[in-house]
Amino acid sequence: MVVYTASEGKIQCPCGRIIEKAEDYKFIFLKKEMREIDILCPNDSCYLREIGFIKFDMVDGKPILKEAVFYPPFVTWNVSQLGPTAMDLMKAQLRDMVKKVVDWKKIEADMGKLA
């Protein structure tokens, strides 16, 4: 297994999949009542599969971010491999997910159908 260094700016799932940018992750919006989007490893055969989530509230019919986090096994793995720099890389990827990747207009439309 190849382990990348933090200077290369790459996160790695414990399954071995290298994740370079927020667009690499997969997202699934099944927990609509809980207002939660699951963050999945892009490797379809990953044994962890779900590695984090994005929670939001609905205010005046608009989704408002509550929190975006990776689960501890994913965080611990990356910190053990990359050191403290991993935290900055993961935070940047979460920020990009929320700002650039998640289609909030589609989420708003889906949540409007539930009301």
C-alpha atoms as a PDB file:
ATOM      1  CA  MET A   1       0.000   0.000   0.000  1.00  0.00           C
ATOM      2  CA  VAL A   2       1.292   3.431  -0.929  1.00  0.00           C
ATOM      3  CA  VAL A   3       0.987   6.142   1.711  1.00  0.00           C
ATOM      4  CA  TYR A   4       1.140   9.748   0.522  1.00  0.00           C
ATOM      5  CA  THR A   5       2.630  12.600   2.456  1.00  0.00           C
ATOM      6  CA  ALA A   6       0.720  15.656   3.581  1.00  0.00           C
ATOM      7  CA  SER A   7       2.701  17.849   1.218  1.00  0.00           C
ATOM      8  CA  GLU A   8       0.964  16.112  -1.663  1.00  0.00           C
ATOM      9  CA  GLY A   9      -2.384  17.317  -0.291  1.00  0.00           C
ATOM     10  CA  LYS A  10      -4.092  13.947  -0.454  1.00  0.00           C
ATOM     11  CA  ILE A  11      -6.304  12.242   2.075  1.00  0.00           C
ATOM     12  CA  GLN A  12      -6.474   8.455   2.201  1.00  0.00           C
ATOM     13  CA  CYS A  13      -9.297   6.207   3.345  1.00  0.00           C
ATOM     14  CA  PRO A  14      -8.179   3.227   5.474  1.00  0.00           C
ATOM     15  CA  CYS A  15      -9.334   1.033   2.549  1.00  0.00           C
ATOM     16  CA  GLY A  16      -6.456   2.513   0.532  1.00  0.00           C
ATOM     17  CA  ARG A  17      -8.384   4.896  -1.749  1.00  0.00           C
ATOM     18  CA  ILE A  18      -6.622   8.230  -2.259  1.00  0.00           C
ATOM     19  CA  ILE A  19      -8.987  11.225  -2.121  1.00  0.00           C
ATOM     20  CA  GLU A  20      -7.523  14.346  -3.667  1.00  0.00           C
ATOM     21  CA  LYS A  21     -10.480  16.727  -3.626  1.00  0.00           C
ATOM     22  CA  ALA A  22     -14.023  17.163  -2.308  1.00  0.00           C
ATOM     23  CA  GLU A  23     -15.509  16.191  -5.671  1.00  0.00           C
ATOM     24  CA  ASP A  24     -14.027  12.692  -5.301  1.00  0.00           C
ATOM     25  CA  TYR A  25     -16.355  11.707  -2.440  1.00  0.00           C
ATOM     26  CA  LYS A  26     -19.796  10.218  -2.985  1.00  0.00           C
ATOM     27  CA  PHE A  27     -22.864  11.632  -1.261  1.00  0.00           C
ATOM     28  CA  ILE A  28     -26.207  10.090  -0.430  1.00  0.00           C
ATOM     29  CA  PHE A  29     -29.260  11.888   0.889  1.00  0.00           C
ATOM     30  CA  LEU A  30     -31.401   9.132   2.411  1.00  0.00           C
ATOM     31  CA  LYS A  31     -31.911  10.545   5.894  1.00  0.00           C
ATOM     32  CA  LYS A  32     -34.174  13.381   4.799  1.00  0.00           C
ATOM     33  CA  GLU A  33     -36.180  13.467   8.034  1.00  0.00           C
ATOM     34  CA  MET A  34     -32.910  13.784   9.967  1.00  0.00           C
ATOM     35  CA  ARG A  35     -31.634  16.407   7.495  1.00  0.00           C
ATOM     36  CA  GLU A  36     -28.398  14.522   6.999  1.00  0.00           C
ATOM     37  CA  ILE A  37     -26.279  13.866   3.904  1.00  0.00           C
ATOM     38  CA  ASP A  38     -23.930  10.898   4.220  1.00  0.00           C
ATOM     39  CA  ILE A  39     -20.359  11.253   2.962  1.00  0.00           C
ATOM     40  CA  LEU A  40     -19.148   8.014   1.385  1.00  0.00           C
ATOM     41  CA  CYS A  41     -15.726   6.781   0.372  1.00  0.00           C
ATOM     42  CA  PRO A  42     -15.430   6.807  -3.436  1.00  0.00           C
ATOM     43  CA  ASN A  43     -14.262   3.177  -3.338  1.00  0.00           C
ATOM     44  CA  ASP A  44     -17.390   1.054  -3.885  1.00  0.00           C
ATOM     45  CA  SER A  45     -15.773  -1.888  -2.064  1.00  0.00           C
ATOM     46  CA  CYS A  46     -14.647   0.145   0.973  1.00  0.00           C
ATOM     47  CA  TYR A  47     -15.248  -1.661   4.244  1.00  0.00           C
ATOM     48  CA  LEU A  48     -15.972   1.625   6.060  1.00  0.00           C
ATOM     49  CA  ARG A  49     -18.173   3.007   3.256  1.00  0.00           C
ATOM     50  CA  GLU A  50     -19.741   5.870   5.246  1.00  0.00           C
ATOM     51  CA  ILE A  51     -16.965   8.146   6.487  1.00  0.00           C
ATOM     52  CA  GLY A  52     -18.840  11.258   7.576  1.00  0.00           C
ATOM     53  CA  PHE A  53     -21.952  13.386   7.291  1.00  0.00           C
ATOM     54  CA  ILE A  54     -23.298  16.867   6.634  1.00  0.00           C
ATOM     55  CA  LYS A  55     -26.186  18.004   8.859  1.00  0.00           C
ATOM     56  CA  PHE A  56     -28.393  20.971   8.142  1.00  0.00           C
ATOM     57  CA  ASP A  57     -31.559  22.661   9.383  1.00  0.00           C
ATOM     58  CA  MET A  58     -34.355  24.169   7.337  1.00  0.00           C
ATOM     59  CA  VAL A  59     -35.034  27.836   8.080  1.00  0.00           C
ATOM     60  CA  ASP A  60     -37.745  29.579   6.076  1.00  0.00           C
ATOM     61  CA  GLY A  61     -37.587  26.783   3.513  1.00  0.00           C
ATOM     62  CA  LYS A  62     -33.815  27.145   3.008  1.00  0.00           C
ATOM     63  CA  PRO A  63     -31.148  24.646   4.107  1.00  0.00           C
ATOM     64  CA  ILE A  64     -28.735  26.069   6.683  1.00  0.00           C
ATOM     65  CA  LEU A  65     -25.537  24.136   7.483  1.00  0.00           C
ATOM     66  CA  LYS A  66     -25.386  22.787  11.004  1.00  0.00           C
ATOM     67  CA  GLU A  67     -22.194  20.699  10.852  1.00  0.00           C
ATOM     68  CA  ALA A  68     -19.997  18.696   8.514  1.00  0.00           C
ATOM     69  CA  VAL A  69     -17.731  16.041  10.015  1.00  0.00           C
ATOM     70  CA  PHE A  70     -15.716  12.965   9.214  1.00  0.00           C
ATOM     71  CA  TYR A  71     -16.072   9.981  11.544  1.00  0.00           C
ATOM     72  CA  PRO A  72     -13.228   9.251  14.027  1.00  0.00           C
ATOM     73  CA  PRO A  73     -11.790   6.148  12.247  1.00  0.00           C
ATOM     74  CA  PHE A  74     -11.275   8.184   9.057  1.00  0.00           C
ATOM     75  CA  VAL A  75      -9.770  11.130  10.966  1.00  0.00           C
ATOM     76  CA  THR A  76      -7.529   8.955  13.134  1.00  0.00           C
ATOM     77  CA  TRP A  77      -6.216   7.066  10.115  1.00  0.00           C
ATOM     78  CA  ASN A  78      -5.281  10.249   8.275  1.00  0.00           C
ATOM     79  CA  VAL A  79      -3.694  11.930  11.282  1.00  0.00           C
ATOM     80  CA  SER A  80      -1.622   8.783  11.933  1.00  0.00           C
ATOM     81  CA  GLN A  81      -0.470   8.761   8.295  1.00  0.00           C
ATOM     82  CA  LEU A  82      -0.049  12.481   7.583  1.00  0.00           C
ATOM     83  CA  GLY A  83       0.363  14.085  10.987  1.00  0.00           C
ATOM     84  CA  PRO A  84      -1.368  17.281  12.116  1.00  0.00           C
ATOM     85  CA  THR A  85      -1.522  18.629   8.553  1.00  0.00           C
ATOM     86  CA  ALA A  86      -4.247  16.054   7.863  1.00  0.00           C
ATOM     87  CA  MET A  87      -6.702  18.078   9.945  1.00  0.00           C
ATOM     88  CA  ASP A  88      -6.229  21.133   7.709  1.00  0.00           C
ATOM     89  CA  LEU A  89      -6.635  19.009   4.571  1.00  0.00           C
ATOM     90  CA  MET A  90      -9.811  17.364   5.859  1.00  0.00           C
ATOM     91  CA  LYS A  91     -11.291  20.696   6.982  1.00  0.00           C
ATOM     92  CA  ALA A  92     -10.586  22.170   3.543  1.00  0.00           C
ATOM     93  CA  GLN A  93     -12.284  19.213   1.854  1.00  0.00           C
ATOM     94  CA  LEU A  94     -15.331  19.513   4.126  1.00  0.00           C
ATOM     95  CA  ARG A  95     -15.511  23.244   3.405  1.00  0.00           C
ATOM     96  CA  ASP A  96     -15.340  22.562  -0.349  1.00  0.00           C
ATOM     97  CA  MET A  97     -18.050  19.898  -0.067  1.00  0.00           C
ATOM     98  CA  VAL A  98     -20.408  22.337   1.611  1.00  0.00           C
ATOM     99  CA  LYS A  99     -19.599  25.320  -0.616  1.00  0.00           C
ATOM    100  CA  LYS A 100     -18.919  23.747  -4.012  1.00  0.00           C
ATOM    101  CA  VAL A 101     -20.119  20.155  -4.251  1.00  0.00           C
ATOM    102  CA  VAL A 102     -23.453  19.744  -2.457  1.00  0.00           C
ATOM    103  CA  ASP A 103     -26.337  20.935  -4.630  1.00  0.00           C
ATOM    104  CA  TRP A 104     -28.216  22.968  -2.016  1.00  0.00           C
ATOM    105  CA  LYS A 105     -30.923  23.998  -4.509  1.00  0.00           C
ATOM    106  CA  LYS A 106     -31.734  20.321  -5.101  1.00  0.00           C
ATOM    107  CA  ILE A 107     -31.727  19.681  -1.351  1.00  0.00           C
ATOM    108  CA  GLU A 108     -34.099  22.620  -0.896  1.00  0.00           C
ATOM    109  CA  ALA A 109     -36.419  21.235  -3.588  1.00  0.00           C
ATOM    110  CA  ASP A 110     -36.340  17.718  -2.079  1.00  0.00           C
ATOM    111  CA  MET A 111     -37.091  19.067   1.387  1.00  0.00           C
ATOM    112  CA  GLY A 112     -39.941  21.195  -0.021  1.00  0.00           C
ATOM    113  CA  LYS A 113     -41.572  18.021  -1.318  1.00  0.00           C
ATOM    114  CA  LEU A 114     -41.600  16.586   2.213  1.00  0.00           C
ATOM    115  CA  ALA A 115     -43.444  19.565   3.699  1.00  0.00           C
END
